[in-house]
Amino acid sequence: MSKFNLGQIVITRNAMDTLDPASVHQAIQRHSWGDWGEVCEEDRESNEIGLRHGERLLSVYKDTNGVNFWIITEWDRSYTTVLLPEDY
């Protein structure tokens, strides 16, 4: 079950053209459950605080081809964006 509202889910063109769609779908589910993927401990703690205080949430995953990508949910939960690090 989702721990927070994802808002509108969007994906950058670069991420759409690069990433495995099944990996993206699975990562969005994990992100919504509070499984932050491969973030550092500091970002993991920031996400836990962000859940309680309405701040931005960041997750890091790899698709089936080993490509790193991020999922960011805005502080107001209006948007969740799937992107490659170079898209930021």
PDB file of N, CA and C in Angstrom:
ATOM      1  N   MET A   1       0.837  -1.178   0.000  1.00  0.00           N
ATOM      2  CA  MET A   1       0.000   0.000   0.000  1.00  0.00           C
ATOM      3  C   MET A   1       0.891   1.253   0.000  1.00  0.00           C
ATOM      4  N   SER A   2       0.484   2.232  -0.746  1.00  0.00           N
ATOM      5  CA  SER A   2       1.245   3.463  -0.890  1.00  0.00           C
ATOM      6  C   SER A   2       1.297   4.243   0.420  1.00  0.00           C
ATOM      7  N   LYS A   3       2.473   4.796   0.731  1.00  0.00           N
ATOM      8  CA  LYS A   3       2.651   5.597   1.940  1.00  0.00           C
ATOM      9  C   LYS A   3       2.320   7.067   1.714  1.00  0.00           C
ATOM     10  N   PHE A   4       2.199   7.479   0.439  1.00  0.00           N
ATOM     11  CA  PHE A   4       1.947   8.888   0.132  1.00  0.00           C
ATOM     12  C   PHE A   4       1.367   8.991  -1.266  1.00  0.00           C
ATOM     13  N   ASN A   5       0.784  10.152  -1.572  1.00  0.00           N
ATOM     14  CA  ASN A   5       0.205  10.421  -2.875  1.00  0.00           C
ATOM     15  C   ASN A   5       1.325  10.747  -3.868  1.00  0.00           C
ATOM     16  N   LEU A   6       1.306  10.115  -5.015  1.00  0.00           N
ATOM     17  CA  LEU A   6       2.311  10.374  -6.047  1.00  0.00           C
ATOM     18  C   LEU A   6       1.963  11.580  -6.910  1.00  0.00           C
ATOM     19  N   GLY A   7       0.708  12.013  -6.882  1.00  0.00           N
ATOM     20  CA  GLY A   7       0.293  13.089  -7.781  1.00  0.00           C
ATOM     21  C   GLY A   7       0.334  12.600  -9.221  1.00  0.00           C
ATOM     22  N   GLN A   8       0.535  13.521 -10.150  1.00  0.00           N
ATOM     23  CA  GLN A   8       0.653  13.152 -11.563  1.00  0.00           C
ATOM     24  C   GLN A   8       2.046  12.567 -11.794  1.00  0.00           C
ATOM     25  N   ILE A   9       2.112  11.409 -12.421  1.00  0.00           N
ATOM     26  CA  ILE A   9       3.390  10.765 -12.714  1.00  0.00           C
ATOM     27  C   ILE A   9       3.820  11.165 -14.119  1.00  0.00           C
ATOM     28  N   VAL A  10       5.047  11.700 -14.214  1.00  0.00           N
ATOM     29  CA  VAL A  10       5.604  12.099 -15.503  1.00  0.00           C
ATOM     30  C   VAL A  10       6.980  11.467 -15.654  1.00  0.00           C
ATOM     31  N   ILE A  11       7.435  11.361 -16.899  1.00  0.00           N
ATOM     32  CA  ILE A  11       8.747  10.794 -17.195  1.00  0.00           C
ATOM     33  C   ILE A  11       9.399  11.664 -18.268  1.00  0.00           C
ATOM     34  N   THR A  12      10.678  11.930 -18.092  1.00  0.00           N
ATOM     35  CA  THR A  12      11.372  12.728 -19.095  1.00  0.00           C
ATOM     36  C   THR A  12      11.502  11.917 -20.383  1.00  0.00           C
ATOM     37  N   ARG A  13      11.619  12.607 -21.497  1.00  0.00           N
ATOM     38  CA  ARG A  13      11.765  11.944 -22.797  1.00  0.00           C
ATOM     39  C   ARG A  13      12.998  11.042 -22.796  1.00  0.00           C
ATOM     40  N   ASN A  14      14.101  11.534 -22.240  1.00  0.00           N
ATOM     41  CA  ASN A  14      15.337  10.753 -22.188  1.00  0.00           C
ATOM     42  C   ASN A  14      15.127   9.455 -21.410  1.00  0.00           C
ATOM     43  N   ALA A  15      14.470   9.546 -20.268  1.00  0.00           N
ATOM     44  CA  ALA A  15      14.203   8.348 -19.468  1.00  0.00           C
ATOM     45  C   ALA A  15      13.272   7.399 -20.207  1.00  0.00           C
ATOM     46  N   MET A  16      12.259   7.934 -20.863  1.00  0.00           N
ATOM     47  CA  MET A  16      11.317   7.101 -21.604  1.00  0.00           C
ATOM     48  C   MET A  16      12.022   6.345 -22.730  1.00  0.00           C
ATOM     49  N   ASP A  17      12.939   7.022 -23.389  1.00  0.00           N
ATOM     50  CA  ASP A  17      13.652   6.409 -24.511  1.00  0.00           C
ATOM     51  C   ASP A  17      14.722   5.422 -24.071  1.00  0.00           C
ATOM     52  N   THR A  18      15.159   5.501 -22.805  1.00  0.00           N
ATOM     53  CA  THR A  18      16.297   4.722 -22.333  1.00  0.00           C
ATOM     54  C   THR A  18      15.915   3.545 -21.448  1.00  0.00           C
ATOM     55  N   LEU A  19      14.947   3.738 -20.563  1.00  0.00           N
ATOM     56  CA  LEU A  19      14.677   2.771 -19.508  1.00  0.00           C
ATOM     57  C   LEU A  19      13.703   1.678 -19.916  1.00  0.00           C
ATOM     58  N   ASP A  20      13.862   0.529 -19.279  1.00  0.00           N
ATOM     59  CA  ASP A  20      12.949  -0.586 -19.450  1.00  0.00           C
ATOM     60  C   ASP A  20      11.624  -0.254 -18.752  1.00  0.00           C
ATOM     61  N   PRO A  21      10.511  -0.233 -19.490  1.00  0.00           N
ATOM     62  CA  PRO A  21       9.219   0.154 -18.896  1.00  0.00           C
ATOM     63  C   PRO A  21       8.819  -0.678 -17.679  1.00  0.00           C
ATOM     64  N   ALA A  22       9.093  -1.975 -17.703  1.00  0.00           N
ATOM     65  CA  ALA A  22       8.739  -2.819 -16.552  1.00  0.00           C
ATOM     66  C   ALA A  22       9.535  -2.409 -15.318  1.00  0.00           C
ATOM     67  N   SER A  23      10.792  -2.050 -15.505  1.00  0.00           N
ATOM     68  CA  SER A  23      11.619  -1.591 -14.384  1.00  0.00           C
ATOM     69  C   SER A  23      11.078  -0.289 -13.806  1.00  0.00           C
ATOM     70  N   VAL A  24      10.636   0.602 -14.674  1.00  0.00           N
ATOM     71  CA  VAL A  24      10.076   1.877 -14.224  1.00  0.00           C
ATOM     72  C   VAL A  24       8.805   1.628 -13.423  1.00  0.00           C
ATOM     73  N   HIS A  25       7.930   0.785 -13.928  1.00  0.00           N
ATOM     74  CA  HIS A  25       6.683   0.483 -13.229  1.00  0.00           C
ATOM     75  C   HIS A  25       6.964  -0.085 -11.835  1.00  0.00           C
ATOM     76  N   GLN A  26       7.874  -1.041 -11.761  1.00  0.00           N
ATOM     77  CA  GLN A  26       8.221  -1.649 -10.481  1.00  0.00           C
ATOM     78  C   GLN A  26       8.830  -0.610  -9.535  1.00  0.00           C
ATOM     79  N   ALA A  27       9.686   0.255 -10.062  1.00  0.00           N
ATOM     80  CA  ALA A  27      10.327   1.267  -9.224  1.00  0.00           C
ATOM     81  C   ALA A  27       9.303   2.275  -8.686  1.00  0.00           C
ATOM     82  N   ILE A  28       8.334   2.647  -9.489  1.00  0.00           N
ATOM     83  CA  ILE A  28       7.295   3.570  -9.018  1.00  0.00           C
ATOM     84  C   ILE A  28       6.538   2.941  -7.852  1.00  0.00           C
ATOM     85  N   GLN A  29       6.223   1.657  -7.959  1.00  0.00           N
ATOM     86  CA  GLN A  29       5.560   0.968  -6.851  1.00  0.00           C
ATOM     87  C   GLN A  29       6.440   0.982  -5.607  1.00  0.00           C
ATOM     88  N   ARG A  30       7.700   0.631  -5.771  1.00  0.00           N
ATOM     89  CA  ARG A  30       8.622   0.602  -4.630  1.00  0.00           C
ATOM     90  C   ARG A  30       8.726   1.985  -3.989  1.00  0.00           C
ATOM     91  N   HIS A  31       8.860   3.011  -4.816  1.00  0.00           N
ATOM     92  CA  HIS A  31       8.947   4.387  -4.328  1.00  0.00           C
ATOM     93  C   HIS A  31       7.718   4.728  -3.487  1.00  0.00           C
ATOM     94  N   SER A  32       6.536   4.387  -3.981  1.00  0.00           N
ATOM     95  CA  SER A  32       5.292   4.717  -3.264  1.00  0.00           C
ATOM     96  C   SER A  32       5.175   3.968  -1.937  1.00  0.00           C
ATOM     97  N   TRP A  33       5.856   2.828  -1.826  1.00  0.00           N
ATOM     98  CA  TRP A  33       5.832   2.034  -0.597  1.00  0.00           C
ATOM     99  C   TRP A  33       6.899   2.490   0.402  1.00  0.00           C
ATOM    100  N   GLY A  34       7.728   3.462  -0.003  1.00  0.00           N
ATOM    101  CA  GLY A  34       8.787   3.926   0.890  1.00  0.00           C
ATOM    102  C   GLY A  34      10.061   3.119   0.786  1.00  0.00           C
ATOM    103  N   ASP A  35      10.200   2.332  -0.273  1.00  0.00           N
ATOM    104  CA  ASP A  35      11.449   1.620  -0.567  1.00  0.00           C
ATOM    105  C   ASP A  35      12.249   2.542  -1.471  1.00  0.00           C
ATOM    106  N   TRP A  36      13.232   3.211  -0.923  1.00  0.00           N
ATOM    107  CA  TRP A  36      13.946   4.286  -1.621  1.00  0.00           C
ATOM    108  C   TRP A  36      15.051   3.782  -2.536  1.00  0.00           C
ATOM    109  N   GLY A  37      15.197   2.480  -2.671  1.00  0.00           N
ATOM    110  CA  GLY A  37      16.187   1.938  -3.595  1.00  0.00           C
ATOM    111  C   GLY A  37      17.610   2.132  -3.103  1.00  0.00           C
ATOM    112  N   GLU A  38      18.456   2.655  -3.972  1.00  0.00           N
ATOM    113  CA  GLU A  38      19.887   2.733  -3.717  1.00  0.00           C
ATOM    114  C   GLU A  38      20.352   4.119  -3.272  1.00  0.00           C
ATOM    115  N   VAL A  39      19.539   4.820  -2.487  1.00  0.00           N
ATOM    116  CA  VAL A  39      19.961   6.128  -1.979  1.00  0.00           C
ATOM    117  C   VAL A  39      20.964   5.930  -0.842  1.00  0.00           C
ATOM    118  N   CYS A  40      21.762   6.961  -0.592  1.00  0.00           N
ATOM    119  CA  CYS A  40      22.693   6.924   0.533  1.00  0.00           C
ATOM    120  C   CYS A  40      21.902   7.051   1.842  1.00  0.00           C
ATOM    121  N   GLU A  41      22.557   6.764   2.949  1.00  0.00           N
ATOM    122  CA  GLU A  41      21.880   6.809   4.248  1.00  0.00           C
ATOM    123  C   GLU A  41      21.324   8.198   4.559  1.00  0.00           C
ATOM    124  N   GLU A  42      22.056   9.231   4.194  1.00  0.00           N
ATOM    125  CA  GLU A  42      21.592  10.600   4.433  1.00  0.00           C
ATOM    126  C   GLU A  42      20.289  10.886   3.682  1.00  0.00           C
ATOM    127  N   ASP A  43      20.215  10.470   2.405  1.00  0.00           N
ATOM    128  CA  ASP A  43      18.985  10.670   1.628  1.00  0.00           C
ATOM    129  C   ASP A  43      17.842   9.806   2.156  1.00  0.00           C
ATOM    130  N   ARG A  44      18.171   8.612   2.634  1.00  0.00           N
ATOM    131  CA  ARG A  44      17.146   7.736   3.217  1.00  0.00           C
ATOM    132  C   ARG A  44      16.525   8.419   4.445  1.00  0.00           C
ATOM    133  N   GLU A  45      17.366   8.983   5.293  1.00  0.00           N
ATOM    134  CA  GLU A  45      16.869   9.693   6.471  1.00  0.00           C
ATOM    135  C   GLU A  45      16.065  10.927   6.074  1.00  0.00           C
ATOM    136  N   SER A  46      16.536  11.654   5.064  1.00  0.00           N
ATOM    137  CA  SER A  46      15.798  12.827   4.577  1.00  0.00           C
ATOM    138  C   SER A  46      14.414  12.436   4.069  1.00  0.00           C
ATOM    139  N   ASN A  47      14.335  11.303   3.377  1.00  0.00           N
ATOM    140  CA  ASN A  47      13.038  10.832   2.887  1.00  0.00           C
ATOM    141  C   ASN A  47      12.099  10.493   4.038  1.00  0.00           C
ATOM    142  N   GLU A  48      12.613   9.853   5.064  1.00  0.00           N
ATOM    143  CA  GLU A  48      11.765   9.493   6.206  1.00  0.00           C
ATOM    144  C   GLU A  48      11.238  10.749   6.899  1.00  0.00           C
ATOM    145  N   ILE A  49      12.088  11.754   7.031  1.00  0.00           N
ATOM    146  CA  ILE A  49      11.646  13.033   7.590  1.00  0.00           C
ATOM    147  C   ILE A  49      10.649  13.693   6.636  1.00  0.00           C
ATOM    148  N   GLY A  50      10.956  13.638   5.337  1.00  0.00           N
ATOM    149  CA  GLY A  50      10.084  14.217   4.321  1.00  0.00           C
ATOM    150  C   GLY A  50       8.688  13.621   4.308  1.00  0.00           C
ATOM    151  N   LEU A  51       8.585  12.331   4.596  1.00  0.00           N
ATOM    152  CA  LEU A  51       7.271  11.692   4.682  1.00  0.00           C
ATOM    153  C   LEU A  51       6.424  12.327   5.776  1.00  0.00           C
ATOM    154  N   ARG A  52       7.050  12.623   6.899  1.00  0.00           N
ATOM    155  CA  ARG A  52       6.320  13.172   8.046  1.00  0.00           C
ATOM    156  C   ARG A  52       6.043  14.669   7.920  1.00  0.00           C
ATOM    157  N   HIS A  53       6.917  15.381   7.202  1.00  0.00           N
ATOM    158  CA  HIS A  53       6.831  16.849   7.193  1.00  0.00           C
ATOM    159  C   HIS A  53       6.551  17.447   5.818  1.00  0.00           C
ATOM    160  N   GLY A  54       6.164  16.620   4.862  1.00  0.00           N
ATOM    161  CA  GLY A  54       5.785  17.132   3.554  1.00  0.00           C
ATOM    162  C   GLY A  54       6.930  17.745   2.773  1.00  0.00           C
ATOM    163  N   GLU A  55       8.024  17.015   2.647  1.00  0.00           N
ATOM    164  CA  GLU A  55       9.174  17.476   1.862  1.00  0.00           C
ATOM    165  C   GLU A  55       9.359  16.569   0.648  1.00  0.00           C
ATOM    166  N   ARG A  56      10.241  16.980  -0.249  1.00  0.00           N
ATOM    167  CA  ARG A  56      10.527  16.224  -1.470  1.00  0.00           C
ATOM    168  C   ARG A  56      11.081  14.846  -1.123  1.00  0.00           C
ATOM    169  N   LEU A  57      10.732  13.858  -1.947  1.00  0.00           N
ATOM    170  CA  LEU A  57      11.177  12.479  -1.756  1.00  0.00           C
ATOM    171  C   LEU A  57      11.961  12.028  -2.982  1.00  0.00           C
ATOM    172  N   LEU A  58      13.110  11.399  -2.759  1.00  0.00           N
ATOM    173  CA  LEU A  58      13.992  10.958  -3.837  1.00  0.00           C
ATOM    174  C   LEU A  58      14.320   9.485  -3.686  1.00  0.00           C
ATOM    175  N   SER A  59      14.162   8.730  -4.760  1.00  0.00           N
ATOM    176  CA  SER A  59      14.577   7.334  -4.805  1.00  0.00           C
ATOM    177  C   SER A  59      15.530   7.136  -5.970  1.00  0.00           C
ATOM    178  N   VAL A  60      16.392   6.132  -5.854  1.00  0.00           N
ATOM    179  CA  VAL A  60      17.362   5.801  -6.891  1.00  0.00           C
ATOM    180  C   VAL A  60      17.255   4.311  -7.187  1.00  0.00           C
ATOM    181  N   TYR A  61      17.140   3.978  -8.453  1.00  0.00           N
ATOM    182  CA  TYR A  61      17.006   2.586  -8.877  1.00  0.00           C
ATOM    183  C   TYR A  61      17.881   2.321 -10.103  1.00  0.00           C
ATOM    184  N   LYS A  62      17.981   1.033 -10.470  1.00  0.00           N
ATOM    185  CA  LYS A  62      18.613   0.614 -11.729  1.00  0.00           C
ATOM    186  C   LYS A  62      17.585  -0.196 -12.491  1.00  0.00           C
ATOM    187  N   ASP A  63      17.551   0.011 -13.815  1.00  0.00           N
ATOM    188  CA  ASP A  63      16.647  -0.813 -14.620  1.00  0.00           C
ATOM    189  C   ASP A  63      17.337  -2.137 -14.945  1.00  0.00           C
ATOM    190  N   THR A  64      16.672  -2.985 -15.705  1.00  0.00           N
ATOM    191  CA  THR A  64      17.205  -4.318 -16.006  1.00  0.00           C
ATOM    192  C   THR A  64      18.501  -4.265 -16.808  1.00  0.00           C
ATOM    193  N   ASN A  65      18.780  -3.126 -17.445  1.00  0.00           N
ATOM    194  CA  ASN A  65      20.028  -2.966 -18.205  1.00  0.00           C
ATOM    195  C   ASN A  65      21.119  -2.292 -17.382  1.00  0.00           C
ATOM    196  N   GLY A  66      20.865  -2.060 -16.088  1.00  0.00           N
ATOM    197  CA  GLY A  66      21.856  -1.454 -15.222  1.00  0.00           C
ATOM    198  C   GLY A  66      21.931   0.063 -15.294  1.00  0.00           C
ATOM    199  N   VAL A  67      20.938   0.686 -15.919  1.00  0.00           N
ATOM    200  CA  VAL A  67      20.917   2.150 -16.045  1.00  0.00           C
ATOM    201  C   VAL A  67      20.328   2.760 -14.777  1.00  0.00           C
ATOM    202  N   ASN A  68      21.083   3.667 -14.144  1.00  0.00           N
ATOM    203  CA  ASN A  68      20.595   4.367 -12.951  1.00  0.00           C
ATOM    204  C   ASN A  68      19.530   5.380 -13.338  1.00  0.00           C
ATOM    205  N   PHE A  69      18.476   5.450 -12.513  1.00  0.00           N
ATOM    206  CA  PHE A  69      17.469   6.498 -12.704  1.00  0.00           C
ATOM    207  C   PHE A  69      16.898   6.904 -11.360  1.00  0.00           C
ATOM    208  N   TRP A  70      16.302   8.072 -11.357  1.00  0.00           N
ATOM    209  CA  TRP A  70      15.737   8.656 -10.146  1.00  0.00           C
ATOM    210  C   TRP A  70      14.236   8.768 -10.266  1.00  0.00           C
ATOM    211  N   ILE A  71      13.592   8.761  -9.110  1.00  0.00           N
ATOM    212  CA  ILE A  71      12.181   9.109  -9.011  1.00  0.00           C
ATOM    213  C   ILE A  71      12.083  10.167  -7.921  1.00  0.00           C
ATOM    214  N   ILE A  72      11.483  11.302  -8.264  1.00  0.00           N
ATOM    215  CA  ILE A  72      11.346  12.413  -7.325  1.00  0.00           C
ATOM    216  C   ILE A  72       9.872  12.785  -7.199  1.00  0.00           C
ATOM    217  N   THR A  73       9.382  12.792  -5.969  1.00  0.00           N
ATOM    218  CA  THR A  73       8.034  13.293  -5.692  1.00  0.00           C
ATOM    219  C   THR A  73       8.179  14.653  -5.038  1.00  0.00           C
ATOM    220  N   GLU A  74       7.486  15.634  -5.582  1.00  0.00           N
ATOM    221  CA  GLU A  74       7.570  17.008  -5.083  1.00  0.00           C
ATOM    222  C   GLU A  74       6.993  17.116  -3.680  1.00  0.00           C
ATOM    223  N   TRP A  75       7.410  18.137  -2.969  1.00  0.00           N
ATOM    224  CA  TRP A  75       7.015  18.344  -1.570  1.00  0.00           C
ATOM    225  C   TRP A  75       5.504  18.398  -1.389  1.00  0.00           C
ATOM    226  N   ASP A  76       4.799  18.965  -2.374  1.00  0.00           N
ATOM    227  CA  ASP A  76       3.348  19.099  -2.250  1.00  0.00           C
ATOM    228  C   ASP A  76       2.597  17.898  -2.827  1.00  0.00           C
ATOM    229  N   ARG A  77       3.355  16.888  -3.266  1.00  0.00           N
ATOM    230  CA  ARG A  77       2.816  15.633  -3.809  1.00  0.00           C
ATOM    231  C   ARG A  77       1.995  15.839  -5.077  1.00  0.00           C
ATOM    232  N   SER A  78       2.255  16.933  -5.788  1.00  0.00           N
ATOM    233  CA  SER A  78       1.518  17.208  -7.018  1.00  0.00           C
ATOM    234  C   SER A  78       2.084  16.431  -8.212  1.00  0.00           C
ATOM    235  N   TYR A  79       3.383  16.163  -8.207  1.00  0.00           N
ATOM    236  CA  TYR A  79       4.041  15.461  -9.306  1.00  0.00           C
ATOM    237  C   TYR A  79       5.060  14.470  -8.781  1.00  0.00           C
ATOM    238  N   THR A  80       5.193  13.375  -9.517  1.00  0.00           N
ATOM    239  CA  THR A  80       6.294  12.439  -9.340  1.00  0.00           C
ATOM    240  C   THR A  80       6.942  12.308 -10.700  1.00  0.00           C
ATOM    241  N   THR A  81       8.249  12.533 -10.743  1.00  0.00           N
ATOM    242  CA  THR A  81       8.986  12.528 -12.002  1.00  0.00           C
ATOM    243  C   THR A  81       9.990  11.386 -12.030  1.00  0.00           C
ATOM    244  N   VAL A  82       9.994  10.649 -13.139  1.00  0.00           N
ATOM    245  CA  VAL A  82      11.002   9.625 -13.411  1.00  0.00           C
ATOM    246  C   VAL A  82      12.001  10.258 -14.368  1.00  0.00           C
ATOM    247  N   LEU A  83      13.279  10.205 -14.010  1.00  0.00           N
ATOM    248  CA  LEU A  83      14.288  10.854 -14.840  1.00  0.00           C
ATOM    249  C   LEU A  83      15.642  10.184 -14.681  1.00  0.00           C
ATOM    250  N   LEU A  84      16.499  10.445 -15.650  1.00  0.00           N
ATOM    251  CA  LEU A  84      17.898  10.038 -15.544  1.00  0.00           C
ATOM    252  C   LEU A  84      18.645  11.142 -14.823  1.00  0.00           C
ATOM    253  N   PRO A  85      19.732  10.814 -14.123  1.00  0.00           N
ATOM    254  CA  PRO A  85      20.474  11.858 -13.406  1.00  0.00           C
ATOM    255  C   PRO A  85      20.857  13.051 -14.290  1.00  0.00           C
ATOM    256  N   GLU A  86      21.214  12.792 -15.537  1.00  0.00           N
ATOM    257  CA  GLU A  86      21.610  13.891 -16.427  1.00  0.00           C
ATOM    258  C   GLU A  86      20.422  14.774 -16.835  1.00  0.00           C
ATOM    259  N   ASP A  87      19.195  14.342 -16.580  1.00  0.00           N
ATOM    260  CA  ASP A  87      18.018  15.133 -16.884  1.00  0.00           C
ATOM    261  C   ASP A  87      17.722  16.177 -15.814  1.00  0.00           C
ATOM    262  N   TYR A  88      18.366  16.043 -14.651  1.00  0.00           N
ATOM    263  CA  TYR A  88      18.052  16.907 -13.506  1.00  0.00           C
ATOM    264  C   TYR A  88      18.496  18.332 -13.731  1.00  0.00           C
TER     265      TYR A  88
END
